[in-house]
Every structure is written in C-alpha cells, then in structure tokens.
Amino acid sequence: MARVSSLQPGTIEQCSAREPVKDIFHDRQARGRTTTGWLRAQHTFSFGSFNDPTRMGFRALRVLNEDIIAGGSGFAEHAHDHFEILTFMLDGEIEHRDSAGHAGRLSAGDVQLISAGTGITHSERNPAEAHSTHLFQIWLHGNQDQARPDYQVLRSALDHDGLPVRLIASPEPQPNALHLRAAVSIWRASVPAGNAYKHELAQGRYGWLQMLDGIATASADDGDDPLELRGGDALQLGRSKKISLRAQTSARWLWFDLS
C-alpha cells in the first residue's frame, strides 16, 4: 500500500485525485497544519495556507480537517455554497448559527450536516470558556447546487452504543441517518478491543477509512501484512474492494463508500 508520510521522505508516494486506482495510507503525521491562538487544525487535503497540488481530495471528498478549538473561540460568520459539510463531534461543544435561521448546540457524539446548495453563511463557536472542542470537519462535493440550503443534526451518532457499525449518512432517505446531496454513504464503526470488522465495496465504488480514535490493524483484500492505524490516520481504497480491521484498543472510525 502506498503511503503519504513525512517520516521517510525518500519513500513518499503522494496521492492525487487524478490517480484513483491506488490504495494509499495517509499518515496522520504527514497532514498540513494550521495553528493560531485559538485553533489547532490538521489537514489531510489542501486547505487554507496548506497547499499541495497532489493532495486535492479523493472522489467526492475535498476537505478533511481535524480541529481543536479553544474555549470561547470559533469560526466567525463565513459563506459556503455547493458543498456538503459534515461536523463529527469527538469532545466538547459547538454552537451553530446560520443565515437560514438554524441555531443549535452540538455535543460530543453528535454529527451535523450543512447542505450549502445555493449558498449559506454560518458561524460556529465553542461556548465553554474552560474546555476545548475536538472535532473532524469533512466536506463533500454536492450534486444539488440549485437547491436551497439545508441543515440536519444526528444526535449521539458517534457514541459507543453497542452497535459495531451504524449508518450515519446516505444519498437516499434512511431512518435515523442524515440525507446527503452526494452519491456517498457513511458509516460509523465502534469496535471493542480484540474485535474485528470487515468493509466491502461494490464494483465501481471507492472507499475511505478515517480513524477517529483508538488503535486498529487493517489489511486490504485479505493481505497478510496488516498496517497499524491510530486516530487521524486514513486509508484510501482505489484498487482494493475489501478491508479487514481488528481493534487493538477500543476504536472508532468512519467508512466512506464513494462513487
């Protein structure tokens, strides 16, 4: 499996949206970084001042950021269109307000979806002065640019609830799942230490596995050389159609089935 790694520059094989046939390991330590007085962010794909033309996304995935937001701080009002913007809350809280009149507070375990469509402005702030917020924010290319903006929240979707895997988002309406304006399905896995799980892809589909926390080993298409994954690591499946994982500790990850 090819790697994107900052640890051994001589062996880097960079990823590219123009080369979807590769399986690539995205090392958490090779991500771009943004650090300000209130934000610590890591970027799997080019974002803001981190600009790498070989890392512009994969299939519908365009932005994949892991953010830690200081207490009492956040993102001032700003605009979006076109994208499906998902926020996965790992710790802390976020207050959301937007130009379509939506307002609410997210807590650890919640997942938020903004379908930007024709355009929306919003702000997000950590309301807890003494506690930081930890989240993943992921943008997908939308397919309904002429539709009005929409806002959805799925409560406690990332919690350890006894279900090893549950559907988080789907392009078709599904009970207890977010409705995406993109040909992408997203699952959350929550697997106890020692347990194993397998994800499979249909022909013509592509996969992305994003570790949220914990430690797991993974092998593609039943390979005999498992790779250790930790929170922030990711696997891009462009060639393989199956990935097998075993949790070394209690672990959570996201699985994206992409067109």
C-alpha atoms as a PDB file:
ATOM      1  CA  MET A   1       0.000   0.000   0.000  1.00  0.00           C
ATOM      2  CA  ALA A   2       1.415   3.397  -0.989  1.00  0.00           C
ATOM      3  CA  ARG A   3       1.981   5.883   1.809  1.00  0.00           C
ATOM      4  CA  VAL A   4       1.815   9.612   2.370  1.00  0.00           C
ATOM      5  CA  SER A   5       4.333  10.030   5.172  1.00  0.00           C
ATOM      6  CA  SER A   6       6.576  12.768   6.468  1.00  0.00           C
ATOM      7  CA  LEU A   7       8.774  10.283   8.340  1.00  0.00           C
ATOM      8  CA  GLN A   8      10.679   8.781   5.409  1.00  0.00           C
ATOM      9  CA  PRO A   9      10.752  11.365   2.608  1.00  0.00           C
ATOM     10  CA  GLY A  10      12.675   9.060   0.285  1.00  0.00           C
ATOM     11  CA  THR A  11       9.782   6.599   0.166  1.00  0.00           C
ATOM     12  CA  ILE A  12       6.860   9.014  -0.243  1.00  0.00           C
ATOM     13  CA  GLU A  13       4.286   8.197  -2.906  1.00  0.00           C
ATOM     14  CA  GLN A  14       1.970  11.190  -2.957  1.00  0.00           C
ATOM     15  CA  CYS A  15      -1.758  10.834  -3.506  1.00  0.00           C
ATOM     16  CA  SER A  16      -3.686  12.557  -6.285  1.00  0.00           C
ATOM     17  CA  ALA A  17      -7.357  12.800  -7.195  1.00  0.00           C
ATOM     18  CA  ARG A  18      -6.240  12.057 -10.764  1.00  0.00           C
ATOM     19  CA  GLU A  19      -4.944   8.633  -9.735  1.00  0.00           C
ATOM     20  CA  PRO A  20      -7.949   6.837  -8.200  1.00  0.00           C
ATOM     21  CA  VAL A  21      -6.606   3.325  -8.808  1.00  0.00           C
ATOM     22  CA  LYS A  22      -4.157   3.404  -5.892  1.00  0.00           C
ATOM     23  CA  ASP A  23      -4.578   2.235  -2.326  1.00  0.00           C
ATOM     24  CA  ILE A  24      -2.867   4.846  -0.130  1.00  0.00           C
ATOM     25  CA  PHE A  25      -2.132   5.087   3.591  1.00  0.00           C
ATOM     26  CA  HIS A  26      -2.471   8.708   4.771  1.00  0.00           C
ATOM     27  CA  ASP A  27      -0.223   9.116   7.798  1.00  0.00           C
ATOM     28  CA  ARG A  28      -1.659  11.429  10.471  1.00  0.00           C
ATOM     29  CA  GLN A  29       1.813  12.949  10.938  1.00  0.00           C
ATOM     30  CA  ALA A  30       2.015  13.986   7.259  1.00  0.00           C
ATOM     31  CA  ARG A  31      -1.010  16.298   7.410  1.00  0.00           C
ATOM     32  CA  GLY A  32      -0.807  20.030   6.857  1.00  0.00           C
ATOM     33  CA  ARG A  33      -1.157  22.182   9.971  1.00  0.00           C
ATOM     34  CA  THR A  34      -2.723  25.484  10.960  1.00  0.00           C
ATOM     35  CA  THR A  35      -2.001  26.884  14.423  1.00  0.00           C
ATOM     36  CA  THR A  36      -3.390  30.167  15.726  1.00  0.00           C
ATOM     37  CA  GLY A  37      -4.114  31.495  19.200  1.00  0.00           C
ATOM     38  CA  TRP A  38      -7.405  29.616  19.325  1.00  0.00           C
ATOM     39  CA  LEU A  39      -7.207  26.856  16.677  1.00  0.00           C
ATOM     40  CA  ARG A  40      -5.047  23.783  16.133  1.00  0.00           C
ATOM     41  CA  ALA A  41      -6.014  22.185  12.827  1.00  0.00           C
ATOM     42  CA  GLN A  42      -4.593  19.329  10.765  1.00  0.00           C
ATOM     43  CA  HIS A  43      -5.470  18.961   7.083  1.00  0.00           C
ATOM     44  CA  THR A  44      -5.387  15.707   5.109  1.00  0.00           C
ATOM     45  CA  PHE A  45      -6.092  17.646   1.888  1.00  0.00           C
ATOM     46  CA  SER A  46      -5.050  21.141   0.787  1.00  0.00           C
ATOM     47  CA  PHE A  47      -6.865  23.770   2.836  1.00  0.00           C
ATOM     48  CA  GLY A  48      -6.197  27.424   3.625  1.00  0.00           C
ATOM     49  CA  SER A  49      -2.469  28.119   3.670  1.00  0.00           C
ATOM     50  CA  PHE A  50      -1.655  24.400   3.285  1.00  0.00           C
ATOM     51  CA  ASN A  51      -1.482  23.945  -0.476  1.00  0.00           C
ATOM     52  CA  ASP A  52      -0.234  20.697  -2.022  1.00  0.00           C
ATOM     53  CA  PRO A  53      -1.453  20.183  -5.618  1.00  0.00           C
ATOM     54  CA  THR A  54      -1.069  16.415  -5.228  1.00  0.00           C
ATOM     55  CA  ARG A  55      -3.486  16.414  -2.271  1.00  0.00           C
ATOM     56  CA  MET A  56      -6.697  17.997  -3.540  1.00  0.00           C
ATOM     57  CA  GLY A  57      -9.162  15.353  -2.372  1.00  0.00           C
ATOM     58  CA  PHE A  58     -10.354  11.889  -3.328  1.00  0.00           C
ATOM     59  CA  ARG A  59     -13.543  11.292  -5.336  1.00  0.00           C
ATOM     60  CA  ALA A  60     -16.278  13.368  -3.606  1.00  0.00           C
ATOM     61  CA  LEU A  61     -14.043  14.096  -0.589  1.00  0.00           C
ATOM     62  CA  ARG A  62     -12.493  17.563  -0.788  1.00  0.00           C
ATOM     63  CA  VAL A  63     -11.754  18.733   2.783  1.00  0.00           C
ATOM     64  CA  LEU A  64     -10.816  16.581   5.773  1.00  0.00           C
ATOM     65  CA  ASN A  65      -9.758  18.586   8.825  1.00  0.00           C
ATOM     66  CA  GLU A  66      -9.222  17.617  12.451  1.00  0.00           C
ATOM     67  CA  ASP A  67      -9.711  20.704  14.641  1.00  0.00           C
ATOM     68  CA  ILE A  68      -9.162  21.561  18.284  1.00  0.00           C
ATOM     69  CA  ILE A  69     -10.902  24.847  19.136  1.00  0.00           C
ATOM     70  CA  ALA A  70     -10.047  26.748  22.322  1.00  0.00           C
ATOM     71  CA  GLY A  71     -12.762  27.637  24.804  1.00  0.00           C
ATOM     72  CA  GLY A  72     -14.788  30.734  23.992  1.00  0.00           C
ATOM     73  CA  SER A  73     -13.470  30.824  20.419  1.00  0.00           C
ATOM     74  CA  GLY A  74     -14.620  29.724  16.997  1.00  0.00           C
ATOM     75  CA  PHE A  75     -15.205  30.494  13.350  1.00  0.00           C
ATOM     76  CA  ALA A  76     -16.727  33.901  12.618  1.00  0.00           C
ATOM     77  CA  GLU A  77     -19.547  34.173  10.096  1.00  0.00           C
ATOM     78  CA  HIS A  78     -18.442  32.966   6.666  1.00  0.00           C
ATOM     79  CA  ALA A  79     -20.051  31.723   3.468  1.00  0.00           C
ATOM     80  CA  HIS A  80     -20.328  28.365   1.700  1.00  0.00           C
ATOM     81  CA  ASP A  81     -22.052  27.028  -1.375  1.00  0.00           C
ATOM     82  CA  HIS A  82     -22.055  23.700  -3.252  1.00  0.00           C
ATOM     83  CA  PHE A  83     -20.507  21.551  -0.506  1.00  0.00           C
ATOM     84  CA  GLU A  84     -21.983  19.034   1.924  1.00  0.00           C
ATOM     85  CA  ILE A  85     -20.246  19.976   5.198  1.00  0.00           C
ATOM     86  CA  LEU A  86     -20.195  17.382   7.976  1.00  0.00           C
ATOM     87  CA  THR A  87     -19.001  18.000  11.530  1.00  0.00           C
ATOM     88  CA  PHE A  88     -18.210  14.964  13.706  1.00  0.00           C
ATOM     89  CA  MET A  89     -18.000  15.913  17.399  1.00  0.00           C
ATOM     90  CA  LEU A  90     -15.450  13.965  19.452  1.00  0.00           C
ATOM     91  CA  ASP A  91     -15.286  16.173  22.561  1.00  0.00           C
ATOM     92  CA  GLY A  92     -16.687  19.451  23.822  1.00  0.00           C
ATOM     93  CA  GLU A  93     -19.446  21.608  22.327  1.00  0.00           C
ATOM     94  CA  ILE A  94     -20.132  23.861  19.344  1.00  0.00           C
ATOM     95  CA  GLU A  95     -22.848  26.487  18.896  1.00  0.00           C
ATOM     96  CA  HIS A  96     -24.105  26.856  15.308  1.00  0.00           C
ATOM     97  CA  ARG A  97     -25.992  29.782  13.725  1.00  0.00           C
ATOM     98  CA  ASP A  98     -26.709  30.341  10.035  1.00  0.00           C
ATOM     99  CA  SER A  99     -28.440  32.667   7.600  1.00  0.00           C
ATOM    100  CA  ALA A 100     -31.277  30.173   7.038  1.00  0.00           C
ATOM    101  CA  GLY A 101     -32.381  30.602  10.657  1.00  0.00           C
ATOM    102  CA  HIS A 102     -30.937  27.406  12.094  1.00  0.00           C
ATOM    103  CA  ALA A 103     -29.365  27.538  15.545  1.00  0.00           C
ATOM    104  CA  GLY A 104     -28.312  24.844  17.945  1.00  0.00           C
ATOM    105  CA  ARG A 105     -25.647  23.347  20.164  1.00  0.00           C
ATOM    106  CA  LEU A 106     -23.676  20.217  19.308  1.00  0.00           C
ATOM    107  CA  SER A 107     -22.143  17.943  21.939  1.00  0.00           C
ATOM    108  CA  ALA A 108     -19.677  15.054  21.852  1.00  0.00           C
ATOM    109  CA  GLY A 109     -21.090  12.224  19.720  1.00  0.00           C
ATOM    110  CA  ASP A 110     -23.271  14.438  17.526  1.00  0.00           C
ATOM    111  CA  VAL A 111     -22.941  14.779  13.747  1.00  0.00           C
ATOM    112  CA  GLN A 112     -24.025  17.926  11.887  1.00  0.00           C
ATOM    113  CA  LEU A 113     -24.703  18.266   8.157  1.00  0.00           C
ATOM    114  CA  ILE A 114     -24.911  21.581   6.319  1.00  0.00           C
ATOM    115  CA  SER A 115     -26.041  21.206   2.701  1.00  0.00           C
ATOM    116  CA  ALA A 116     -24.826  24.539   1.343  1.00  0.00           C
ATOM    117  CA  GLY A 117     -26.595  24.344  -2.037  1.00  0.00           C
ATOM    118  CA  THR A 118     -27.149  27.825  -3.485  1.00  0.00           C
ATOM    119  CA  GLY A 119     -25.319  29.424  -0.574  1.00  0.00           C
ATOM    120  CA  ILE A 120     -25.389  29.921   3.186  1.00  0.00           C
ATOM    121  CA  THR A 121     -23.453  31.881   5.797  1.00  0.00           C
ATOM    122  CA  HIS A 122     -22.842  30.484   9.262  1.00  0.00           C
ATOM    123  CA  SER A 123     -20.729  30.798  12.388  1.00  0.00           C
ATOM    124  CA  GLU A 124     -19.568  28.171  14.868  1.00  0.00           C
ATOM    125  CA  ARG A 125     -18.276  28.838  18.372  1.00  0.00           C
ATOM    126  CA  ASN A 126     -17.105  26.802  21.344  1.00  0.00           C
ATOM    127  CA  PRO A 127     -19.324  28.153  24.149  1.00  0.00           C
ATOM    128  CA  ALA A 128     -17.315  26.599  27.011  1.00  0.00           C
ATOM    129  CA  GLU A 129     -14.708  29.099  28.150  1.00  0.00           C
ATOM    130  CA  ALA A 130     -12.675  26.494  30.082  1.00  0.00           C
ATOM    131  CA  HIS A 131     -12.885  23.491  27.748  1.00  0.00           C
ATOM    132  CA  SER A 132     -11.587  22.914  24.230  1.00  0.00           C
ATOM    133  CA  THR A 133     -13.624  21.275  21.465  1.00  0.00           C
ATOM    134  CA  HIS A 134     -12.293  18.407  19.325  1.00  0.00           C
ATOM    135  CA  LEU A 135     -13.951  17.615  16.005  1.00  0.00           C
ATOM    136  CA  PHE A 136     -13.490  16.383  12.461  1.00  0.00           C
ATOM    137  CA  GLN A 137     -14.949  18.518   9.672  1.00  0.00           C
ATOM    138  CA  ILE A 138     -15.329  16.896   6.265  1.00  0.00           C
ATOM    139  CA  TRP A 139     -16.545  18.479   3.026  1.00  0.00           C
ATOM    140  CA  LEU A 140     -18.041  16.504   0.145  1.00  0.00           C
ATOM    141  CA  HIS A 141     -18.772  17.794  -3.352  1.00  0.00           C
ATOM    142  CA  GLY A 142     -22.568  18.190  -3.529  1.00  0.00           C
ATOM    143  CA  ASN A 143     -24.739  17.375  -6.530  1.00  0.00           C
ATOM    144  CA  GLN A 144     -27.654  19.780  -5.991  1.00  0.00           C
ATOM    145  CA  ASP A 145     -26.160  23.244  -6.403  1.00  0.00           C
ATOM    146  CA  GLN A 146     -29.548  24.780  -7.271  1.00  0.00           C
ATOM    147  CA  ALA A 147     -31.234  23.504  -4.103  1.00  0.00           C
ATOM    148  CA  ARG A 148     -31.874  25.670  -1.066  1.00  0.00           C
ATOM    149  CA  PRO A 149     -29.529  25.196   1.906  1.00  0.00           C
ATOM    150  CA  ASP A 150     -30.481  22.563   4.455  1.00  0.00           C
ATOM    151  CA  TYR A 151     -29.393  21.710   7.984  1.00  0.00           C
ATOM    152  CA  GLN A 152     -29.560  18.375   9.838  1.00  0.00           C
ATOM    153  CA  VAL A 153     -28.224  17.010  13.131  1.00  0.00           C
ATOM    154  CA  LEU A 154     -27.883  13.368  14.186  1.00  0.00           C
ATOM    155  CA  ARG A 155     -27.586  13.134  17.964  1.00  0.00           C
ATOM    156  CA  SER A 156     -25.218  10.684  19.711  1.00  0.00           C
ATOM    157  CA  ALA A 157     -24.327   9.047  16.390  1.00  0.00           C
ATOM    158  CA  LEU A 158     -20.654   8.534  17.330  1.00  0.00           C
ATOM    159  CA  ASP A 159     -21.339   7.134  20.802  1.00  0.00           C
ATOM    160  CA  HIS A 160     -20.286   3.656  21.887  1.00  0.00           C
ATOM    161  CA  ASP A 161     -23.834   2.255  21.787  1.00  0.00           C
ATOM    162  CA  GLY A 162     -23.193  -1.490  21.383  1.00  0.00           C
ATOM    163  CA  LEU A 163     -23.623  -1.371  17.599  1.00  0.00           C
ATOM    164  CA  PRO A 164     -20.300  -2.184  15.902  1.00  0.00           C
ATOM    165  CA  VAL A 165     -21.366  -0.286  12.764  1.00  0.00           C
ATOM    166  CA  ARG A 166     -24.247   2.101  12.063  1.00  0.00           C
ATOM    167  CA  LEU A 167     -25.233   4.156   9.046  1.00  0.00           C
ATOM    168  CA  ILE A 168     -24.569   7.873   9.573  1.00  0.00           C
ATOM    169  CA  ALA A 169     -25.453   9.379   6.171  1.00  0.00           C
ATOM    170  CA  SER A 170     -26.895   8.204   2.867  1.00  0.00           C
ATOM    171  CA  PRO A 171     -27.817   9.644  -0.557  1.00  0.00           C
ATOM    172  CA  GLU A 172     -31.254   8.035  -0.101  1.00  0.00           C
ATOM    173  CA  PRO A 173     -33.570   8.872   2.824  1.00  0.00           C
ATOM    174  CA  GLN A 174     -32.995   6.350   5.619  1.00  0.00           C
ATOM    175  CA  PRO A 175     -34.364   6.148   9.177  1.00  0.00           C
ATOM    176  CA  ASN A 176     -32.047   7.690  11.782  1.00  0.00           C
ATOM    177  CA  ALA A 177     -29.491   8.832   9.196  1.00  0.00           C
ATOM    178  CA  LEU A 178     -28.540  12.113   7.558  1.00  0.00           C
ATOM    179  CA  HIS A 179     -29.695  12.635   3.958  1.00  0.00           C
ATOM    180  CA  LEU A 180     -26.746  13.629   1.758  1.00  0.00           C
ATOM    181  CA  ARG A 181     -26.853  15.508  -1.535  1.00  0.00           C
ATOM    182  CA  ALA A 182     -23.941  13.387  -2.777  1.00  0.00           C
ATOM    183  CA  ALA A 183     -23.520   9.800  -4.001  1.00  0.00           C
ATOM    184  CA  VAL A 184     -21.784   8.833  -0.758  1.00  0.00           C
ATOM    185  CA  SER A 185     -22.721   6.608   2.170  1.00  0.00           C
ATOM    186  CA  ILE A 186     -21.016   6.991   5.557  1.00  0.00           C
ATOM    187  CA  TRP A 187     -20.860   4.510   8.423  1.00  0.00           C
ATOM    188  CA  ARG A 188     -19.536   4.870  11.962  1.00  0.00           C
ATOM    189  CA  ALA A 189     -17.699   1.881  13.466  1.00  0.00           C
ATOM    190  CA  SER A 190     -17.253   1.499  17.232  1.00  0.00           C
ATOM    191  CA  VAL A 191     -15.360  -1.732  17.910  1.00  0.00           C
ATOM    192  CA  PRO A 192     -14.175  -3.065  21.294  1.00  0.00           C
ATOM    193  CA  ALA A 193     -10.575  -4.203  21.747  1.00  0.00           C
ATOM    194  CA  GLY A 194      -9.942  -7.607  20.176  1.00  0.00           C
ATOM    195  CA  ASN A 195     -12.960  -7.498  17.888  1.00  0.00           C
ATOM    196  CA  ALA A 196     -12.761  -7.482  14.101  1.00  0.00           C
ATOM    197  CA  TYR A 197     -14.854  -5.979  11.329  1.00  0.00           C
ATOM    198  CA  LYS A 198     -14.790  -6.001   7.539  1.00  0.00           C
ATOM    199  CA  HIS A 199     -15.960  -3.391   4.981  1.00  0.00           C
ATOM    200  CA  GLU A 200     -16.570  -4.278   1.327  1.00  0.00           C
ATOM    201  CA  LEU A 201     -17.113  -2.233  -1.834  1.00  0.00           C
ATOM    202  CA  ALA A 202     -19.199  -2.976  -4.903  1.00  0.00           C
ATOM    203  CA  GLN A 203     -17.591  -2.832  -8.329  1.00  0.00           C
ATOM    204  CA  GLY A 204     -17.089   0.768  -9.436  1.00  0.00           C
ATOM    205  CA  ARG A 205     -17.114   2.123  -5.869  1.00  0.00           C
ATOM    206  CA  TYR A 206     -14.214   3.536  -3.846  1.00  0.00           C
ATOM    207  CA  GLY A 207     -13.511   3.595  -0.122  1.00  0.00           C
ATOM    208  CA  TRP A 208     -12.068   5.892   2.511  1.00  0.00           C
ATOM    209  CA  LEU A 209     -11.473   4.792   6.093  1.00  0.00           C
ATOM    210  CA  GLN A 210     -10.877   7.591   8.601  1.00  0.00           C
ATOM    211  CA  MET A 211      -9.676   6.687  12.094  1.00  0.00           C
ATOM    212  CA  LEU A 212     -11.248   8.849  14.808  1.00  0.00           C
ATOM    213  CA  ASP A 213      -9.566   7.370  17.888  1.00  0.00           C
ATOM    214  CA  GLY A 214      -8.090   4.191  19.288  1.00  0.00           C
ATOM    215  CA  ILE A 215      -5.753   1.718  17.574  1.00  0.00           C
ATOM    216  CA  ALA A 216      -6.610  -0.880  14.921  1.00  0.00           C
ATOM    217  CA  THR A 217      -4.752  -3.007  12.390  1.00  0.00           C
ATOM    218  CA  ALA A 218      -6.002  -3.125   8.806  1.00  0.00           C
ATOM    219  CA  SER A 219      -5.304  -5.187   5.708  1.00  0.00           C
ATOM    220  CA  ALA A 220      -6.752  -4.755   2.216  1.00  0.00           C
ATOM    221  CA  ASP A 221      -8.206  -7.703   0.249  1.00  0.00           C
ATOM    222  CA  ASP A 222      -7.144 -10.187   2.975  1.00  0.00           C
ATOM    223  CA  GLY A 223      -3.466  -9.257   2.696  1.00  0.00           C
ATOM    224  CA  ASP A 224      -1.108 -10.784   5.267  1.00  0.00           C
ATOM    225  CA  ASP A 225       0.755  -7.558   6.138  1.00  0.00           C
ATOM    226  CA  PRO A 226      -1.572  -5.593   8.440  1.00  0.00           C
ATOM    227  CA  LEU A 227      -0.975  -1.875   8.924  1.00  0.00           C
ATOM    228  CA  GLU A 228      -1.406  -0.194  12.309  1.00  0.00           C
ATOM    229  CA  LEU A 229      -3.800   2.765  12.323  1.00  0.00           C
ATOM    230  CA  ARG A 230      -4.325   5.387  15.025  1.00  0.00           C
ATOM    231  CA  GLY A 231      -6.628   8.382  15.387  1.00  0.00           C
ATOM    232  CA  GLY A 232      -6.066  10.736  12.428  1.00  0.00           C
ATOM    233  CA  ASP A 233      -4.699   8.052  10.079  1.00  0.00           C
ATOM    234  CA  ALA A 234      -6.682   7.188   6.955  1.00  0.00           C
ATOM    235  CA  LEU A 235      -6.787   4.580   4.199  1.00  0.00           C
ATOM    236  CA  GLN A 236      -7.793   5.400   0.633  1.00  0.00           C
ATOM    237  CA  LEU A 237      -9.058   2.401  -1.349  1.00  0.00           C
ATOM    238  CA  GLY A 238      -8.857   2.911  -5.096  1.00  0.00           C
ATOM    239  CA  ARG A 239      -7.968  -0.628  -6.144  1.00  0.00           C
ATOM    240  CA  SER A 240      -8.909  -2.991  -3.309  1.00  0.00           C
ATOM    241  CA  LYS A 241     -12.542  -3.866  -2.667  1.00  0.00           C
ATOM    242  CA  LYS A 242     -12.343  -5.143   0.893  1.00  0.00           C
ATOM    243  CA  ILE A 243     -10.675  -4.024   4.104  1.00  0.00           C
ATOM    244  CA  SER A 244     -10.409  -6.077   7.295  1.00  0.00           C
ATOM    245  CA  LEU A 245      -9.770  -4.402  10.646  1.00  0.00           C
ATOM    246  CA  ARG A 246      -9.059  -5.638  14.165  1.00  0.00           C
ATOM    247  CA  ALA A 247      -9.280  -3.254  17.114  1.00  0.00           C
ATOM    248  CA  GLN A 248      -6.181  -3.344  19.327  1.00  0.00           C
ATOM    249  CA  THR A 249      -7.890  -0.957  21.758  1.00  0.00           C
ATOM    250  CA  SER A 250     -11.450   0.299  21.762  1.00  0.00           C
ATOM    251  CA  ALA A 251     -11.526   2.137  18.430  1.00  0.00           C
ATOM    252  CA  ARG A 252     -13.810   4.313  16.312  1.00  0.00           C
ATOM    253  CA  TRP A 253     -13.559   5.047  12.621  1.00  0.00           C
ATOM    254  CA  LEU A 254     -15.636   6.358   9.703  1.00  0.00           C
ATOM    255  CA  TRP A 255     -16.136   4.386   6.484  1.00  0.00           C
ATOM    256  CA  PHE A 256     -16.999   6.294   3.284  1.00  0.00           C
ATOM    257  CA  ASP A 257     -18.437   4.417   0.275  1.00  0.00           C
ATOM    258  CA  LEU A 258     -17.779   6.753  -2.675  1.00  0.00           C
ATOM    259  CA  SER A 259     -18.761   6.812  -6.345  1.00  0.00           C
END
